[in-house]
Amino acid sequence: MDYHPTNRFVNFLLGGFKAHAAHHLFHHICHIHDMEFLKIIQLTAQELNQLYQQTTFLKAIGAHFKYLKKRGMVQNI
């Protein structure tokens, strides 16, 4: 899942991490090229009827804190 991949501020803030799919598929290539790769990934996913997911930066942050809360819950044994 990508995190608001077209937002320039998020790109500046995260240094390319927002393009998670491109980062994992093309990890050996500098992140400044991620936007071009994202276009290719989206088109290829559409051609192959595969799901390509993206969310807003704020929703990604909210989901991350929910995950941390869930993982931090102490269970009585």
N, C-alpha and C. Protein backbone atom coordinates (compact mmCIF):
# COMPACT_ATOMS: atom_id res chain seq x y z
N MET A 1 0.85 -1.17 0.00
CA MET A 1 0.00 0.00 0.00
C MET A 1 0.90 1.24 0.00
N ASP A 2 0.53 2.19 -0.81
CA ASP A 2 1.28 3.44 -0.88
C ASP A 2 0.58 4.50 -0.06
N TYR A 3 1.36 5.45 0.44
CA TYR A 3 0.86 6.49 1.34
C TYR A 3 0.87 7.84 0.64
N HIS A 4 -0.24 8.19 0.04
CA HIS A 4 -0.41 9.47 -0.65
C HIS A 4 0.78 9.73 -1.60
N PRO A 5 0.96 8.87 -2.59
CA PRO A 5 2.17 8.92 -3.40
C PRO A 5 2.34 10.17 -4.27
N THR A 6 1.29 10.93 -4.52
CA THR A 6 1.44 12.10 -5.39
C THR A 6 1.63 13.41 -4.62
N ASN A 7 1.62 13.37 -3.31
CA ASN A 7 1.74 14.58 -2.49
C ASN A 7 3.21 14.96 -2.33
N ARG A 8 3.58 16.16 -2.77
CA ARG A 8 4.98 16.59 -2.70
C ARG A 8 5.46 16.79 -1.27
N PHE A 9 4.58 17.30 -0.40
CA PHE A 9 4.98 17.50 0.99
C PHE A 9 5.27 16.16 1.66
N VAL A 10 4.41 15.18 1.44
CA VAL A 10 4.63 13.86 2.02
C VAL A 10 5.91 13.25 1.44
N ASN A 11 6.15 13.48 0.17
CA ASN A 11 7.39 12.99 -0.44
C ASN A 11 8.61 13.61 0.24
N PHE A 12 8.56 14.91 0.49
CA PHE A 12 9.65 15.59 1.18
C PHE A 12 9.80 15.07 2.61
N LEU A 13 8.67 14.92 3.30
CA LEU A 13 8.69 14.50 4.69
C LEU A 13 9.21 13.08 4.86
N LEU A 14 8.79 12.17 4.00
CA LEU A 14 9.14 10.76 4.14
C LEU A 14 10.32 10.35 3.27
N GLY A 15 10.80 11.23 2.43
CA GLY A 15 11.97 10.90 1.62
C GLY A 15 11.77 9.72 0.69
N GLY A 16 10.59 9.58 0.12
CA GLY A 16 10.35 8.52 -0.83
C GLY A 16 9.69 7.29 -0.24
N PHE A 17 9.58 7.20 1.07
CA PHE A 17 8.98 6.01 1.69
C PHE A 17 7.50 5.87 1.34
N LYS A 18 6.88 6.93 0.94
CA LYS A 18 5.45 6.92 0.62
C LYS A 18 5.13 5.99 -0.54
N ALA A 19 6.08 5.77 -1.42
CA ALA A 19 5.90 4.88 -2.57
C ALA A 19 6.38 3.49 -2.19
N HIS A 20 5.64 2.87 -1.31
CA HIS A 20 6.04 1.60 -0.73
C HIS A 20 6.19 0.49 -1.78
N ALA A 21 5.26 0.42 -2.72
CA ALA A 21 5.32 -0.62 -3.76
C ALA A 21 6.57 -0.46 -4.62
N ALA A 22 6.83 0.75 -5.07
CA ALA A 22 8.02 1.01 -5.89
C ALA A 22 9.29 0.75 -5.09
N HIS A 23 9.28 1.10 -3.82
CA HIS A 23 10.44 0.88 -2.96
C HIS A 23 10.79 -0.61 -2.89
N HIS A 24 9.79 -1.47 -2.77
CA HIS A 24 10.06 -2.90 -2.65
C HIS A 24 10.35 -3.56 -3.99
N LEU A 25 9.74 -3.07 -5.04
CA LEU A 25 9.98 -3.67 -6.36
C LEU A 25 11.29 -3.20 -6.98
N PHE A 26 11.66 -1.96 -6.70
CA PHE A 26 12.86 -1.37 -7.30
C PHE A 26 13.78 -0.80 -6.21
N HIS A 27 14.05 -1.59 -5.21
CA HIS A 27 14.82 -1.13 -4.04
C HIS A 27 16.24 -0.72 -4.38
N HIS A 28 16.77 -1.19 -5.48
CA HIS A 28 18.15 -0.89 -5.86
C HIS A 28 18.27 0.41 -6.67
N ILE A 29 17.14 1.08 -6.92
CA ILE A 29 17.14 2.32 -7.70
C ILE A 29 16.75 3.49 -6.78
N CYS A 30 17.40 4.62 -6.96
CA CYS A 30 17.18 5.80 -6.13
C CYS A 30 15.69 6.20 -6.09
N HIS A 31 15.23 6.62 -4.92
CA HIS A 31 13.81 6.93 -4.71
C HIS A 31 13.31 8.13 -5.52
N ILE A 32 14.17 8.92 -6.10
CA ILE A 32 13.70 10.06 -6.89
C ILE A 32 12.96 9.61 -8.15
N HIS A 33 13.11 8.34 -8.51
CA HIS A 33 12.44 7.80 -9.69
C HIS A 33 11.13 7.10 -9.37
N ASP A 34 10.74 7.10 -8.11
CA ASP A 34 9.55 6.34 -7.68
C ASP A 34 8.27 6.79 -8.38
N MET A 35 8.12 8.07 -8.65
CA MET A 35 6.89 8.55 -9.28
C MET A 35 6.70 7.93 -10.67
N GLU A 36 7.79 7.80 -11.43
CA GLU A 36 7.69 7.17 -12.74
C GLU A 36 7.34 5.69 -12.59
N PHE A 37 7.95 5.04 -11.60
CA PHE A 37 7.66 3.62 -11.37
C PHE A 37 6.23 3.41 -10.90
N LEU A 38 5.71 4.35 -10.11
CA LEU A 38 4.33 4.22 -9.64
C LEU A 38 3.34 4.21 -10.79
N LYS A 39 3.58 5.04 -11.79
CA LYS A 39 2.70 5.05 -12.96
C LYS A 39 2.71 3.68 -13.64
N ILE A 40 3.88 3.10 -13.78
CA ILE A 40 4.01 1.78 -14.40
C ILE A 40 3.34 0.71 -13.55
N ILE A 41 3.54 0.77 -12.25
CA ILE A 41 2.93 -0.20 -11.33
C ILE A 41 1.41 -0.13 -11.40
N GLN A 42 0.86 1.08 -11.38
CA GLN A 42 -0.59 1.26 -11.43
C GLN A 42 -1.17 0.73 -12.73
N LEU A 43 -0.54 1.05 -13.85
CA LEU A 43 -1.02 0.59 -15.15
C LEU A 43 -0.93 -0.94 -15.26
N THR A 44 0.17 -1.50 -14.79
CA THR A 44 0.35 -2.95 -14.85
C THR A 44 -0.66 -3.65 -13.97
N ALA A 45 -0.90 -3.14 -12.78
CA ALA A 45 -1.91 -3.72 -11.89
C ALA A 45 -3.29 -3.69 -12.54
N GLN A 46 -3.61 -2.58 -13.20
CA GLN A 46 -4.90 -2.45 -13.87
C GLN A 46 -5.01 -3.45 -15.02
N GLU A 47 -3.96 -3.59 -15.81
CA GLU A 47 -3.96 -4.53 -16.93
C GLU A 47 -4.12 -5.98 -16.47
N LEU A 48 -3.54 -6.30 -15.32
CA LEU A 48 -3.58 -7.67 -14.80
C LEU A 48 -4.74 -7.90 -13.82
N ASN A 49 -5.62 -6.91 -13.71
CA ASN A 49 -6.76 -6.98 -12.77
C ASN A 49 -6.31 -7.28 -11.34
N GLN A 50 -5.23 -6.63 -10.93
CA GLN A 50 -4.72 -6.76 -9.58
C GLN A 50 -5.02 -5.49 -8.80
N LEU A 51 -5.20 -5.64 -7.51
CA LEU A 51 -5.53 -4.51 -6.65
C LEU A 51 -4.28 -3.69 -6.35
N TYR A 52 -4.35 -2.40 -6.60
CA TYR A 52 -3.31 -1.46 -6.19
C TYR A 52 -3.94 -0.54 -5.16
N GLN A 53 -3.37 -0.51 -3.96
CA GLN A 53 -3.96 0.27 -2.89
C GLN A 53 -3.10 1.47 -2.53
N GLN A 54 -3.79 2.55 -2.21
CA GLN A 54 -3.12 3.73 -1.66
C GLN A 54 -4.06 4.39 -0.67
N THR A 55 -3.50 5.09 0.26
CA THR A 55 -4.28 5.78 1.28
C THR A 55 -3.66 7.14 1.52
N THR A 56 -4.36 7.96 2.27
CA THR A 56 -3.81 9.28 2.60
C THR A 56 -2.76 9.13 3.70
N PHE A 57 -1.93 10.13 3.81
CA PHE A 57 -0.89 10.12 4.83
C PHE A 57 -1.48 10.06 6.23
N LEU A 58 -2.54 10.85 6.47
CA LEU A 58 -3.15 10.87 7.80
C LEU A 58 -3.79 9.52 8.15
N LYS A 59 -4.42 8.88 7.19
CA LYS A 59 -5.01 7.56 7.45
C LYS A 59 -3.91 6.53 7.73
N ALA A 60 -2.79 6.65 7.05
CA ALA A 60 -1.67 5.74 7.28
C ALA A 60 -1.12 5.92 8.70
N ILE A 61 -0.98 7.18 9.14
CA ILE A 61 -0.51 7.46 10.50
C ILE A 61 -1.50 6.91 11.52
N GLY A 62 -2.80 7.14 11.29
CA GLY A 62 -3.83 6.62 12.20
C GLY A 62 -3.80 5.10 12.28
N ALA A 63 -3.66 4.44 11.13
CA ALA A 63 -3.61 2.97 11.11
C ALA A 63 -2.37 2.47 11.85
N HIS A 64 -1.27 3.19 11.72
CA HIS A 64 -0.04 2.80 12.40
C HIS A 64 -0.21 2.88 13.92
N PHE A 65 -0.82 3.96 14.42
CA PHE A 65 -1.04 4.08 15.86
C PHE A 65 -2.03 3.04 16.38
N LYS A 66 -3.04 2.71 15.59
CA LYS A 66 -3.95 1.62 15.98
C LYS A 66 -3.21 0.30 16.07
N TYR A 67 -2.32 0.07 15.12
CA TYR A 67 -1.51 -1.16 15.13
C TYR A 67 -0.61 -1.20 16.36
N LEU A 68 0.05 -0.08 16.67
CA LEU A 68 0.91 -0.03 17.85
C LEU A 68 0.12 -0.27 19.13
N LYS A 69 -1.07 0.30 19.22
CA LYS A 69 -1.91 0.08 20.40
C LYS A 69 -2.29 -1.39 20.53
N LYS A 70 -2.68 -1.99 19.42
CA LYS A 70 -3.06 -3.40 19.42
C LYS A 70 -1.88 -4.28 19.85
N ARG A 71 -0.70 -3.99 19.32
CA ARG A 71 0.49 -4.79 19.65
C ARG A 71 0.95 -4.54 21.07
N GLY A 72 0.62 -3.38 21.64
CA GLY A 72 1.07 -3.04 22.97
C GLY A 72 0.13 -3.51 24.09
N MET A 73 -1.00 -4.07 23.72
CA MET A 73 -1.95 -4.53 24.73
C MET A 73 -1.36 -5.72 25.50
N VAL A 74 -1.43 -5.67 26.81
CA VAL A 74 -0.93 -6.76 27.65
C VAL A 74 -2.06 -7.75 27.87
N GLN A 75 -1.77 -9.00 27.61
CA GLN A 75 -2.78 -10.04 27.80
C GLN A 75 -2.50 -10.77 29.09
N ASN A 76 -3.58 -11.05 29.83
CA ASN A 76 -3.43 -11.84 31.05
C ASN A 76 -3.27 -13.30 30.68
N ILE A 77 -2.25 -13.89 31.21
CA ILE A 77 -1.97 -15.31 30.90
C ILE A 77 -2.37 -16.17 32.08
